[in-house]
N, C-alpha and C. Protein backbone atom coordinates (compact mmCIF):
# COMPACT_ATOMS: atom_id res chain seq x y z
N UNK A 1 163.48 148.93 325.15
CA UNK A 1 164.50 147.94 324.92
C UNK A 1 164.48 146.86 326.00
N UNK A 2 164.32 147.27 327.28
CA UNK A 2 164.27 146.31 328.37
C UNK A 2 163.03 145.41 328.29
N UNK A 3 161.93 145.99 327.88
CA UNK A 3 160.69 145.20 327.75
C UNK A 3 160.83 144.13 326.67
N UNK A 4 161.59 144.39 325.65
CA UNK A 4 161.75 143.42 324.59
C UNK A 4 162.58 142.22 325.07
N UNK A 5 163.61 142.48 325.89
CA UNK A 5 164.44 141.37 326.37
C UNK A 5 163.72 140.61 327.46
N UNK A 6 162.90 141.34 328.25
CA UNK A 6 162.17 140.70 329.34
C UNK A 6 161.12 139.73 328.79
N UNK A 7 160.49 140.05 327.70
CA UNK A 7 159.47 139.18 327.13
C UNK A 7 160.07 137.94 326.50
N UNK A 8 161.38 137.90 326.26
CA UNK A 8 162.00 136.73 325.65
C UNK A 8 162.44 135.70 326.69
N UNK A 9 162.18 135.94 327.93
CA UNK A 9 162.60 134.98 328.99
C UNK A 9 161.83 133.66 328.81
N UNK A 10 162.40 132.58 329.32
CA UNK A 10 161.69 131.29 329.16
C UNK A 10 160.41 131.24 330.00
N UNK A 11 159.67 130.21 329.70
CA UNK A 11 158.41 129.98 330.41
C UNK A 11 158.66 129.85 331.90
N UNK A 12 157.79 130.38 332.77
CA UNK A 12 157.96 130.26 334.22
C UNK A 12 158.04 128.81 334.69
N UNK A 13 157.38 127.91 334.03
CA UNK A 13 157.45 126.48 334.38
C UNK A 13 158.87 125.95 334.20
N UNK A 14 159.55 126.41 333.15
CA UNK A 14 160.92 126.00 332.93
C UNK A 14 161.80 126.54 334.04
N UNK A 15 161.57 127.78 334.47
CA UNK A 15 162.36 128.34 335.57
C UNK A 15 162.13 127.55 336.86
N UNK A 16 160.88 127.16 337.09
CA UNK A 16 160.60 126.36 338.29
C UNK A 16 161.32 125.01 338.25
N UNK A 17 161.28 124.41 337.07
CA UNK A 17 161.94 123.11 336.92
C UNK A 17 163.45 123.23 337.13
N UNK A 18 164.03 124.29 336.60
CA UNK A 18 165.49 124.52 336.78
C UNK A 18 165.78 124.77 338.27
N UNK A 19 164.95 125.58 338.92
CA UNK A 19 165.15 125.88 340.35
C UNK A 19 165.06 124.62 341.21
N UNK A 20 164.06 123.81 340.97
CA UNK A 20 163.90 122.57 341.73
C UNK A 20 165.05 121.62 341.47
N UNK A 21 165.44 121.51 340.22
CA UNK A 21 166.57 120.64 339.87
C UNK A 21 167.85 121.07 340.56
N UNK A 22 168.14 122.36 340.53
CA UNK A 22 169.34 122.87 341.19
C UNK A 22 169.29 122.64 342.71
N UNK A 23 168.11 122.81 343.27
CA UNK A 23 167.94 122.56 344.71
C UNK A 23 168.21 121.11 345.04
N UNK A 24 167.69 120.19 344.27
CA UNK A 24 167.86 118.75 344.53
C UNK A 24 169.32 118.34 344.34
N UNK A 25 169.97 118.89 343.32
CA UNK A 25 171.38 118.58 343.07
C UNK A 25 172.22 119.07 344.22
N UNK A 26 171.95 120.33 344.66
CA UNK A 26 172.72 120.90 345.77
C UNK A 26 172.51 120.07 347.04
N UNK A 27 171.29 119.68 347.33
CA UNK A 27 170.98 118.87 348.50
C UNK A 27 171.72 117.53 348.44
N UNK A 28 171.72 116.90 347.28
CA UNK A 28 172.41 115.61 347.11
C UNK A 28 173.90 115.74 347.33
N UNK A 29 174.50 116.79 346.78
CA UNK A 29 175.94 116.98 346.95
C UNK A 29 176.28 117.25 348.41
N UNK A 30 175.54 118.11 349.08
CA UNK A 30 175.86 118.43 350.48
C UNK A 30 175.61 117.22 351.39
N UNK A 31 174.60 116.41 351.12
CA UNK A 31 174.35 115.23 351.92
C UNK A 31 175.46 114.21 351.74
N UNK A 32 175.93 114.05 350.53
CA UNK A 32 177.06 113.13 350.29
C UNK A 32 178.32 113.62 350.96
N UNK A 33 178.55 114.93 350.88
CA UNK A 33 179.76 115.53 351.50
C UNK A 33 179.69 115.35 353.03
N UNK A 34 178.52 115.49 353.61
CA UNK A 34 178.36 115.30 355.07
C UNK A 34 178.68 113.87 355.44
N UNK A 35 178.22 112.92 354.68
CA UNK A 35 178.52 111.49 354.96
C UNK A 35 180.01 111.18 354.84
N UNK A 36 180.65 111.77 353.87
CA UNK A 36 182.11 111.58 353.70
C UNK A 36 182.84 112.17 354.87
N UNK A 37 182.50 113.38 355.25
CA UNK A 37 183.21 114.01 356.38
C UNK A 37 182.99 113.24 357.67
N UNK A 38 181.79 112.76 357.91
CA UNK A 38 181.48 111.98 359.12
C UNK A 38 182.34 110.71 359.14
N UNK A 39 182.46 110.05 357.99
CA UNK A 39 183.29 108.84 357.87
C UNK A 39 184.77 109.16 358.11
N UNK A 40 185.25 110.30 357.58
CA UNK A 40 186.63 110.69 357.80
C UNK A 40 186.88 110.99 359.27
N UNK A 41 185.97 111.70 359.93
CA UNK A 41 186.12 112.00 361.37
C UNK A 41 186.13 110.73 362.19
N UNK A 42 185.19 109.83 361.88
CA UNK A 42 185.10 108.56 362.62
C UNK A 42 186.36 107.74 362.41
N UNK A 43 186.90 107.70 361.21
CA UNK A 43 188.14 106.93 360.95
C UNK A 43 189.31 107.57 361.71
N UNK A 44 189.35 108.89 361.78
CA UNK A 44 190.41 109.55 362.52
C UNK A 44 190.31 109.25 364.01
N UNK A 45 189.09 109.22 364.53
CA UNK A 45 188.89 108.89 365.94
C UNK A 45 189.33 107.45 366.22
N UNK A 46 188.96 106.53 365.35
CA UNK A 46 189.37 105.14 365.55
C UNK A 46 190.91 105.02 365.51
N UNK A 47 191.52 105.71 364.57
CA UNK A 47 192.96 105.67 364.48
C UNK A 47 193.60 106.22 365.76
N UNK A 48 193.10 107.32 366.27
CA UNK A 48 193.65 107.90 367.47
C UNK A 48 193.47 106.98 368.66
N UNK A 49 192.31 106.33 368.75
CA UNK A 49 192.09 105.40 369.84
C UNK A 49 193.03 104.20 369.79
N UNK A 50 193.31 103.74 368.54
CA UNK A 50 194.27 102.65 368.38
C UNK A 50 195.68 103.09 368.80
N UNK A 51 196.04 104.31 368.45
CA UNK A 51 197.34 104.86 368.82
C UNK A 51 197.47 104.96 370.36
N UNK A 52 196.41 105.27 371.02
CA UNK A 52 196.45 105.38 372.49
C UNK A 52 196.37 104.05 373.18
N UNK A 53 196.05 103.01 372.48
CA UNK A 53 196.03 101.68 373.03
C UNK A 53 194.77 101.35 373.80
N UNK A 54 193.64 101.92 373.43
CA UNK A 54 192.38 101.64 374.10
C UNK A 54 191.95 100.20 373.78
N UNK A 55 191.23 99.61 374.74
CA UNK A 55 190.73 98.25 374.54
C UNK A 55 189.50 98.31 373.61
N UNK A 56 189.12 97.14 373.10
CA UNK A 56 187.96 97.08 372.20
C UNK A 56 186.71 97.52 372.92
N UNK A 57 186.54 97.18 374.16
CA UNK A 57 185.37 97.57 374.93
C UNK A 57 185.31 99.09 375.10
N UNK A 58 186.46 99.73 375.35
CA UNK A 58 186.50 101.18 375.51
C UNK A 58 186.20 101.85 374.18
N UNK A 59 186.70 101.32 373.09
CA UNK A 59 186.42 101.91 371.77
C UNK A 59 184.95 101.80 371.45
N UNK A 60 184.33 100.65 371.71
CA UNK A 60 182.91 100.50 371.44
C UNK A 60 182.07 101.46 372.29
N UNK A 61 182.45 101.68 373.54
CA UNK A 61 181.73 102.57 374.40
C UNK A 61 181.81 104.01 373.85
N UNK A 62 183.00 104.41 373.38
CA UNK A 62 183.17 105.77 372.85
C UNK A 62 182.35 105.91 371.57
N UNK A 63 182.38 104.92 370.69
CA UNK A 63 181.71 105.03 369.40
C UNK A 63 180.20 104.98 369.57
N UNK A 64 179.69 104.33 370.57
CA UNK A 64 178.25 104.23 370.78
C UNK A 64 177.68 105.32 371.66
N UNK A 65 178.53 106.21 372.16
CA UNK A 65 178.05 107.31 373.02
C UNK A 65 177.16 108.24 372.25
N UNK A 66 176.18 108.84 372.94
CA UNK A 66 175.32 109.81 372.23
C UNK A 66 176.10 111.00 371.73
N UNK A 67 175.65 111.55 370.64
CA UNK A 67 176.41 112.64 369.97
C UNK A 67 175.87 114.01 370.27
N UNK A 68 175.12 114.16 371.35
CA UNK A 68 174.60 115.46 371.70
C UNK A 68 175.60 116.30 372.45
N UNK A 69 175.23 117.54 372.77
CA UNK A 69 176.14 118.42 373.52
C UNK A 69 176.35 117.87 374.93
N UNK A 70 177.54 118.05 375.43
CA UNK A 70 177.85 117.60 376.78
C UNK A 70 177.68 118.74 377.75
N UNK A 71 176.98 118.49 378.85
CA UNK A 71 176.81 119.51 379.85
C UNK A 71 178.05 119.54 380.73
N UNK A 72 178.63 120.70 380.81
CA UNK A 72 179.81 120.89 381.66
C UNK A 72 179.43 121.78 382.82
N UNK A 73 180.35 122.01 383.70
CA UNK A 73 180.06 122.82 384.86
C UNK A 73 179.75 124.27 384.48
N UNK A 74 180.20 124.71 383.33
CA UNK A 74 179.94 126.08 382.93
C UNK A 74 178.75 126.24 382.01
N UNK A 75 178.10 125.11 381.64
CA UNK A 75 176.94 125.24 380.78
C UNK A 75 175.78 125.80 381.60
N UNK A 76 174.85 126.51 380.95
CA UNK A 76 173.74 127.14 381.70
C UNK A 76 172.90 126.12 382.50
N UNK A 77 172.66 124.92 381.95
CA UNK A 77 171.85 123.93 382.66
C UNK A 77 172.59 123.44 383.92
N UNK A 78 173.91 123.24 383.82
CA UNK A 78 174.66 122.77 384.97
C UNK A 78 174.75 123.86 386.03
N UNK A 79 174.94 125.10 385.60
CA UNK A 79 175.04 126.20 386.56
C UNK A 79 173.70 126.43 387.26
N UNK A 80 172.62 126.35 386.50
CA UNK A 80 171.29 126.55 387.08
C UNK A 80 171.01 125.51 388.14
N UNK A 81 171.39 124.26 387.88
CA UNK A 81 171.13 123.20 388.86
C UNK A 81 171.99 123.29 390.10
N UNK A 82 173.12 123.97 390.02
CA UNK A 82 174.05 124.02 391.15
C UNK A 82 173.82 125.24 392.01
N UNK A 83 172.99 126.16 391.60
CA UNK A 83 172.76 127.36 392.38
C UNK A 83 171.86 127.03 393.59
N UNK A 84 172.21 127.55 394.74
CA UNK A 84 171.31 127.36 395.87
C UNK A 84 170.09 128.22 395.71
N UNK A 85 168.94 127.71 396.16
CA UNK A 85 167.74 128.48 396.02
C UNK A 85 167.73 129.60 397.05
N UNK A 86 167.31 130.75 396.65
CA UNK A 86 167.24 131.92 397.54
C UNK A 86 165.80 132.12 397.96
N UNK A 87 165.61 132.13 399.23
CA UNK A 87 164.28 132.27 399.76
C UNK A 87 164.01 133.73 400.11
N UNK A 88 162.94 134.24 399.66
CA UNK A 88 162.61 135.62 399.96
C UNK A 88 161.62 135.67 401.10
N UNK A 89 161.90 136.55 402.03
CA UNK A 89 161.00 136.63 403.20
C UNK A 89 160.01 137.74 403.09
């Protein structure tokens, strides 16, 4: 019984086409959603800066800042650089 239903499956090429299509559709939706969220976050940031009364120059500096992780005193790179070197005799 199982062999009969298994042999009725569509052509593997059709399955590949469906899989690729679903992948492209999913990628397109997630990319669009990411762009919308980034625009919402940026608009919220601008609104907050206006509420705080920042000058145009300060707002431009904040918006043009790099978007990478910020090294703080507790980050491994900052801690490693602040450790005194230990000399072994």
